[in-house]
Amino acid sequence: MAENQEPTFQIQRVYLKEASLEQPNSPAILLEQEQPTVDIQLGVEASPAADGVFEVCVTATVTTKIKDKTVFLVEAKQAGIFEIRNLPQEQMGPIMGIACPQIVYPYLRSNVADIIQRGGFPPVHLAEINFQAMYEQQQAQAADDAPRIVTQ
């Protein structure tokens, strides 16, 4: 009997892999009347977990400051386990860099807003992300950073 060669893309599980909230200058910073600045950094990473099974993580770091003092810092990593089989190799990068993060990211947004709110602050809602544009930018950056052989 021939093995099934149908392309497979299935979500096995979505989970909060890591989360932390720091308020290093509380309670004094909470008495400040000034509006804090908010800095948000996002990242995507993918790694094999088993044969045909991959873990894709989307990370967010949200830092709020008043002047040079941190109000709060949230770091969260939302992960998904995906079964991906029998896809052409050239499709694997876009699947793990665009499709999987688009599935995981809404959970990350919700968890970050919840953590911040549970810390006693108004929730910070992460903006929608165009993971295709982010992936294409990363690919272009990687191509620019690639070593070049110059012949004369």
C-alpha atoms as a PDB file:
ATOM      1  CA  MET A   1       0.000   0.000   0.000  1.00  0.00           C
ATOM      2  CA  ALA A   2       1.433   3.376  -1.015  1.00  0.00           C
ATOM      3  CA  GLU A   3       2.007   5.955   1.668  1.00  0.00           C
ATOM      4  CA  ASN A   4      -0.348   8.937   1.617  1.00  0.00           C
ATOM      5  CA  GLN A   5       1.398  11.772  -0.228  1.00  0.00           C
ATOM      6  CA  GLU A   6      -1.413  14.299   0.258  1.00  0.00           C
ATOM      7  CA  PRO A   7      -0.203  17.677   1.528  1.00  0.00           C
ATOM      8  CA  THR A   8      -0.993  18.021   5.238  1.00  0.00           C
ATOM      9  CA  PHE A   9      -1.309  21.209   7.299  1.00  0.00           C
ATOM     10  CA  GLN A  10      -2.915  20.769  10.710  1.00  0.00           C
ATOM     11  CA  ILE A  11      -2.834  22.660  13.973  1.00  0.00           C
ATOM     12  CA  GLN A  12      -1.961  20.264  16.784  1.00  0.00           C
ATOM     13  CA  ARG A  13      -1.998  22.776  19.645  1.00  0.00           C
ATOM     14  CA  VAL A  14      -1.699  26.493  20.441  1.00  0.00           C
ATOM     15  CA  TYR A  15      -0.273  27.395  23.850  1.00  0.00           C
ATOM     16  CA  LEU A  16       1.286  30.179  25.891  1.00  0.00           C
ATOM     17  CA  LYS A  17       4.908  29.069  26.147  1.00  0.00           C
ATOM     18  CA  GLU A  18       6.256  31.905  28.259  1.00  0.00           C
ATOM     19  CA  ALA A  19       4.985  35.096  29.877  1.00  0.00           C
ATOM     20  CA  SER A  20       6.357  37.621  32.328  1.00  0.00           C
ATOM     21  CA  LEU A  21       5.343  40.989  33.738  1.00  0.00           C
ATOM     22  CA  GLU A  22       7.796  43.260  35.498  1.00  0.00           C
ATOM     23  CA  GLN A  23       6.976  46.495  37.313  1.00  0.00           C
ATOM     24  CA  PRO A  24      10.435  47.478  38.589  1.00  0.00           C
ATOM     25  CA  ASN A  25       9.504  51.013  39.692  1.00  0.00           C
ATOM     26  CA  SER A  26       6.142  50.326  41.338  1.00  0.00           C
ATOM     27  CA  PRO A  27       4.482  51.748  43.327  1.00  0.00           C
ATOM     28  CA  ALA A  28       6.139  55.188  42.891  1.00  0.00           C
ATOM     29  CA  ILE A  29       5.884  55.178  39.074  1.00  0.00           C
ATOM     30  CA  LEU A  30       2.123  54.536  39.349  1.00  0.00           C
ATOM     31  CA  LEU A  31       1.665  57.968  40.929  1.00  0.00           C
ATOM     32  CA  GLU A  32       3.125  59.720  37.871  1.00  0.00           C
ATOM     33  CA  GLN A  33       0.602  61.702  35.830  1.00  0.00           C
ATOM     34  CA  GLU A  34       2.618  61.734  32.608  1.00  0.00           C
ATOM     35  CA  GLN A  35       1.607  59.421  29.756  1.00  0.00           C
ATOM     36  CA  PRO A  36       4.134  56.625  29.215  1.00  0.00           C
ATOM     37  CA  THR A  37       5.775  55.810  25.897  1.00  0.00           C
ATOM     38  CA  VAL A  38       5.116  52.318  24.580  1.00  0.00           C
ATOM     39  CA  ASP A  39       7.609  50.263  22.579  1.00  0.00           C
ATOM     40  CA  ILE A  40       6.536  46.942  21.048  1.00  0.00           C
ATOM     41  CA  GLN A  41       8.935  44.419  19.523  1.00  0.00           C
ATOM     42  CA  LEU A  42       7.723  41.292  17.713  1.00  0.00           C
ATOM     43  CA  GLY A  43       9.522  38.211  16.484  1.00  0.00           C
ATOM     44  CA  VAL A  44       8.792  34.872  14.837  1.00  0.00           C
ATOM     45  CA  GLU A  45      10.777  31.676  15.148  1.00  0.00           C
ATOM     46  CA  ALA A  46      10.144  28.156  13.886  1.00  0.00           C
ATOM     47  CA  SER A  47      11.826  24.880  14.714  1.00  0.00           C
ATOM     48  CA  PRO A  48      11.222  21.190  14.047  1.00  0.00           C
ATOM     49  CA  ALA A  49       9.638  19.301  16.955  1.00  0.00           C
ATOM     50  CA  ALA A  50       9.410  15.840  15.352  1.00  0.00           C
ATOM     51  CA  ASP A  51       9.233  14.381  11.856  1.00  0.00           C
ATOM     52  CA  GLY A  52       6.729  16.569   9.978  1.00  0.00           C
ATOM     53  CA  VAL A  53       5.853  18.494  13.156  1.00  0.00           C
ATOM     54  CA  PHE A  54       7.010  22.048  13.816  1.00  0.00           C
ATOM     55  CA  GLU A  55       6.768  24.548  16.640  1.00  0.00           C
ATOM     56  CA  VAL A  56       6.194  28.146  15.557  1.00  0.00           C
ATOM     57  CA  CYS A  57       6.521  30.880  18.196  1.00  0.00           C
ATOM     58  CA  VAL A  58       5.510  34.522  18.008  1.00  0.00           C
ATOM     59  CA  THR A  59       7.109  36.681  20.685  1.00  0.00           C
ATOM     60  CA  ALA A  60       6.172  40.148  21.887  1.00  0.00           C
ATOM     61  CA  THR A  61       8.041  42.489  24.187  1.00  0.00           C
ATOM     62  CA  VAL A  62       6.040  45.503  25.367  1.00  0.00           C
ATOM     63  CA  THR A  63       7.990  48.152  27.263  1.00  0.00           C
ATOM     64  CA  THR A  64       6.349  51.259  28.701  1.00  0.00           C
ATOM     65  CA  LYS A  65       8.412  54.072  30.161  1.00  0.00           C
ATOM     66  CA  ILE A  66       7.979  57.490  31.691  1.00  0.00           C
ATOM     67  CA  LYS A  67      11.148  59.403  30.911  1.00  0.00           C
ATOM     68  CA  ASP A  68      13.859  56.799  31.547  1.00  0.00           C
ATOM     69  CA  LYS A  69      11.953  54.741  34.134  1.00  0.00           C
ATOM     70  CA  THR A  70      10.153  51.552  33.191  1.00  0.00           C
ATOM     71  CA  VAL A  71       6.465  51.485  34.108  1.00  0.00           C
ATOM     72  CA  PHE A  72       6.072  47.851  33.053  1.00  0.00           C
ATOM     73  CA  LEU A  73       7.676  45.305  30.792  1.00  0.00           C
ATOM     74  CA  VAL A  74       5.754  42.341  29.370  1.00  0.00           C
ATOM     75  CA  GLU A  75       7.414  39.526  27.495  1.00  0.00           C
ATOM     76  CA  ALA A  76       5.257  36.776  26.044  1.00  0.00           C
ATOM     77  CA  LYS A  77       5.846  33.866  23.696  1.00  0.00           C
ATOM     78  CA  GLN A  78       2.826  32.207  22.108  1.00  0.00           C
ATOM     79  CA  ALA A  79       3.507  28.934  20.339  1.00  0.00           C
ATOM     80  CA  GLY A  80       1.746  26.547  18.056  1.00  0.00           C
ATOM     81  CA  ILE A  81       2.510  22.989  17.066  1.00  0.00           C
ATOM     82  CA  PHE A  82       1.744  22.284  13.420  1.00  0.00           C
ATOM     83  CA  GLU A  83       1.834  19.098  11.396  1.00  0.00           C
ATOM     84  CA  ILE A  84       3.172  19.993   7.969  1.00  0.00           C
ATOM     85  CA  ARG A  85       3.861  17.170   5.530  1.00  0.00           C
ATOM     86  CA  ASN A  86       4.330  16.607   1.808  1.00  0.00           C
ATOM     87  CA  LEU A  87       4.680  20.267   0.882  1.00  0.00           C
ATOM     88  CA  PRO A  88       7.286  21.455  -1.618  1.00  0.00           C
ATOM     89  CA  GLN A  89      10.371  22.786   0.187  1.00  0.00           C
ATOM     90  CA  GLU A  90       9.907  26.269  -1.316  1.00  0.00           C
ATOM     91  CA  GLN A  91       6.511  26.527   0.413  1.00  0.00           C
ATOM     92  CA  MET A  92       7.820  25.642   3.887  1.00  0.00           C
ATOM     93  CA  GLY A  93       9.328  29.089   4.604  1.00  0.00           C
ATOM     94  CA  PRO A  94       6.140  31.006   3.782  1.00  0.00           C
ATOM     95  CA  ILE A  95       3.970  28.485   5.666  1.00  0.00           C
ATOM     96  CA  MET A  96       6.083  28.778   8.839  1.00  0.00           C
ATOM     97  CA  GLY A  97       6.808  32.494   8.427  1.00  0.00           C
ATOM     98  CA  ILE A  98       3.333  33.693   7.389  1.00  0.00           C
ATOM     99  CA  ALA A  99       0.500  31.143   7.772  1.00  0.00           C
ATOM    100  CA  CYS A 100       1.460  29.724  11.175  1.00  0.00           C
ATOM    101  CA  PRO A 101       2.155  33.105  12.834  1.00  0.00           C
ATOM    102  CA  GLN A 102      -1.197  34.412  11.546  1.00  0.00           C
ATOM    103  CA  ILE A 103      -2.893  31.563  13.420  1.00  0.00           C
ATOM    104  CA  VAL A 104      -0.891  32.012  16.656  1.00  0.00           C
ATOM    105  CA  TYR A 105      -0.820  35.832  16.817  1.00  0.00           C
ATOM    106  CA  PRO A 106      -4.446  36.478  17.912  1.00  0.00           C
ATOM    107  CA  TYR A 107      -3.830  34.329  20.991  1.00  0.00           C
ATOM    108  CA  LEU A 108      -0.682  36.338  21.760  1.00  0.00           C
ATOM    109  CA  ARG A 109      -2.577  39.629  21.397  1.00  0.00           C
ATOM    110  CA  SER A 110      -5.236  38.459  23.828  1.00  0.00           C
ATOM    111  CA  ASN A 111      -2.755  37.121  26.376  1.00  0.00           C
ATOM    112  CA  VAL A 112      -0.607  40.280  26.323  1.00  0.00           C
ATOM    113  CA  ALA A 113      -3.648  42.531  26.837  1.00  0.00           C
ATOM    114  CA  ASP A 114      -4.845  40.265  29.665  1.00  0.00           C
ATOM    115  CA  ILE A 115      -1.449  40.196  31.437  1.00  0.00           C
ATOM    116  CA  ILE A 116      -1.168  43.993  31.280  1.00  0.00           C
ATOM    117  CA  GLN A 117      -4.716  44.466  32.557  1.00  0.00           C
ATOM    118  CA  ARG A 118      -4.154  41.976  35.390  1.00  0.00           C
ATOM    119  CA  GLY A 119      -1.079  44.023  36.318  1.00  0.00           C
ATOM    120  CA  GLY A 120      -3.377  46.980  37.017  1.00  0.00           C
ATOM    121  CA  PHE A 121      -2.894  48.897  33.770  1.00  0.00           C
ATOM    122  CA  PRO A 122      -5.168  49.693  30.852  1.00  0.00           C
ATOM    123  CA  PRO A 123      -4.652  46.936  28.276  1.00  0.00           C
ATOM    124  CA  VAL A 124      -2.232  47.516  25.425  1.00  0.00           C
ATOM    125  CA  HIS A 125      -3.709  46.056  22.267  1.00  0.00           C
ATOM    126  CA  LEU A 126      -1.103  44.873  19.795  1.00  0.00           C
ATOM    127  CA  ALA A 127      -1.870  46.036  16.265  1.00  0.00           C
ATOM    128  CA  GLU A 128      -2.746  43.643  13.480  1.00  0.00           C
ATOM    129  CA  ILE A 129       0.402  42.445  11.740  1.00  0.00           C
ATOM    130  CA  ASN A 130       0.944  41.745   8.055  1.00  0.00           C
ATOM    131  CA  PHE A 131       3.095  38.633   8.461  1.00  0.00           C
ATOM    132  CA  GLN A 132       3.579  38.363   4.693  1.00  0.00           C
ATOM    133  CA  ALA A 133       5.207  41.817   4.576  1.00  0.00           C
ATOM    134  CA  MET A 134       7.247  40.982   7.690  1.00  0.00           C
ATOM    135  CA  TYR A 135       8.413  37.675   6.142  1.00  0.00           C
ATOM    136  CA  GLU A 136       9.316  39.335   2.832  1.00  0.00           C
ATOM    137  CA  GLN A 137      11.268  42.043   4.671  1.00  0.00           C
ATOM    138  CA  GLN A 138      13.188  39.377   6.634  1.00  0.00           C
ATOM    139  CA  GLN A 139      13.947  37.486   3.410  1.00  0.00           C
ATOM    140  CA  ALA A 140      15.207  40.665   1.730  1.00  0.00           C
ATOM    141  CA  GLN A 141      17.338  41.466   4.791  1.00  0.00           C
ATOM    142  CA  ALA A 142      18.793  37.940   4.786  1.00  0.00           C
ATOM    143  CA  ALA A 143      19.638  38.275   1.082  1.00  0.00           C
ATOM    144  CA  ASP A 144      21.338  41.631   1.741  1.00  0.00           C
ATOM    145  CA  ASP A 145      23.332  40.118   4.618  1.00  0.00           C
ATOM    146  CA  ALA A 146      24.427  37.058   2.648  1.00  0.00           C
ATOM    147  CA  PRO A 147      28.141  36.918   1.888  1.00  0.00           C
ATOM    148  CA  ARG A 148      28.938  37.736  -1.706  1.00  0.00           C
ATOM    149  CA  ILE A 149      31.752  36.308  -3.764  1.00  0.00           C
ATOM    150  CA  VAL A 150      33.401  38.969  -5.840  1.00  0.00           C
ATOM    151  CA  THR A 151      35.421  37.881  -8.866  1.00  0.00           C
ATOM    152  CA  GLN A 152      37.697  40.091 -10.866  1.00  0.00           C
END
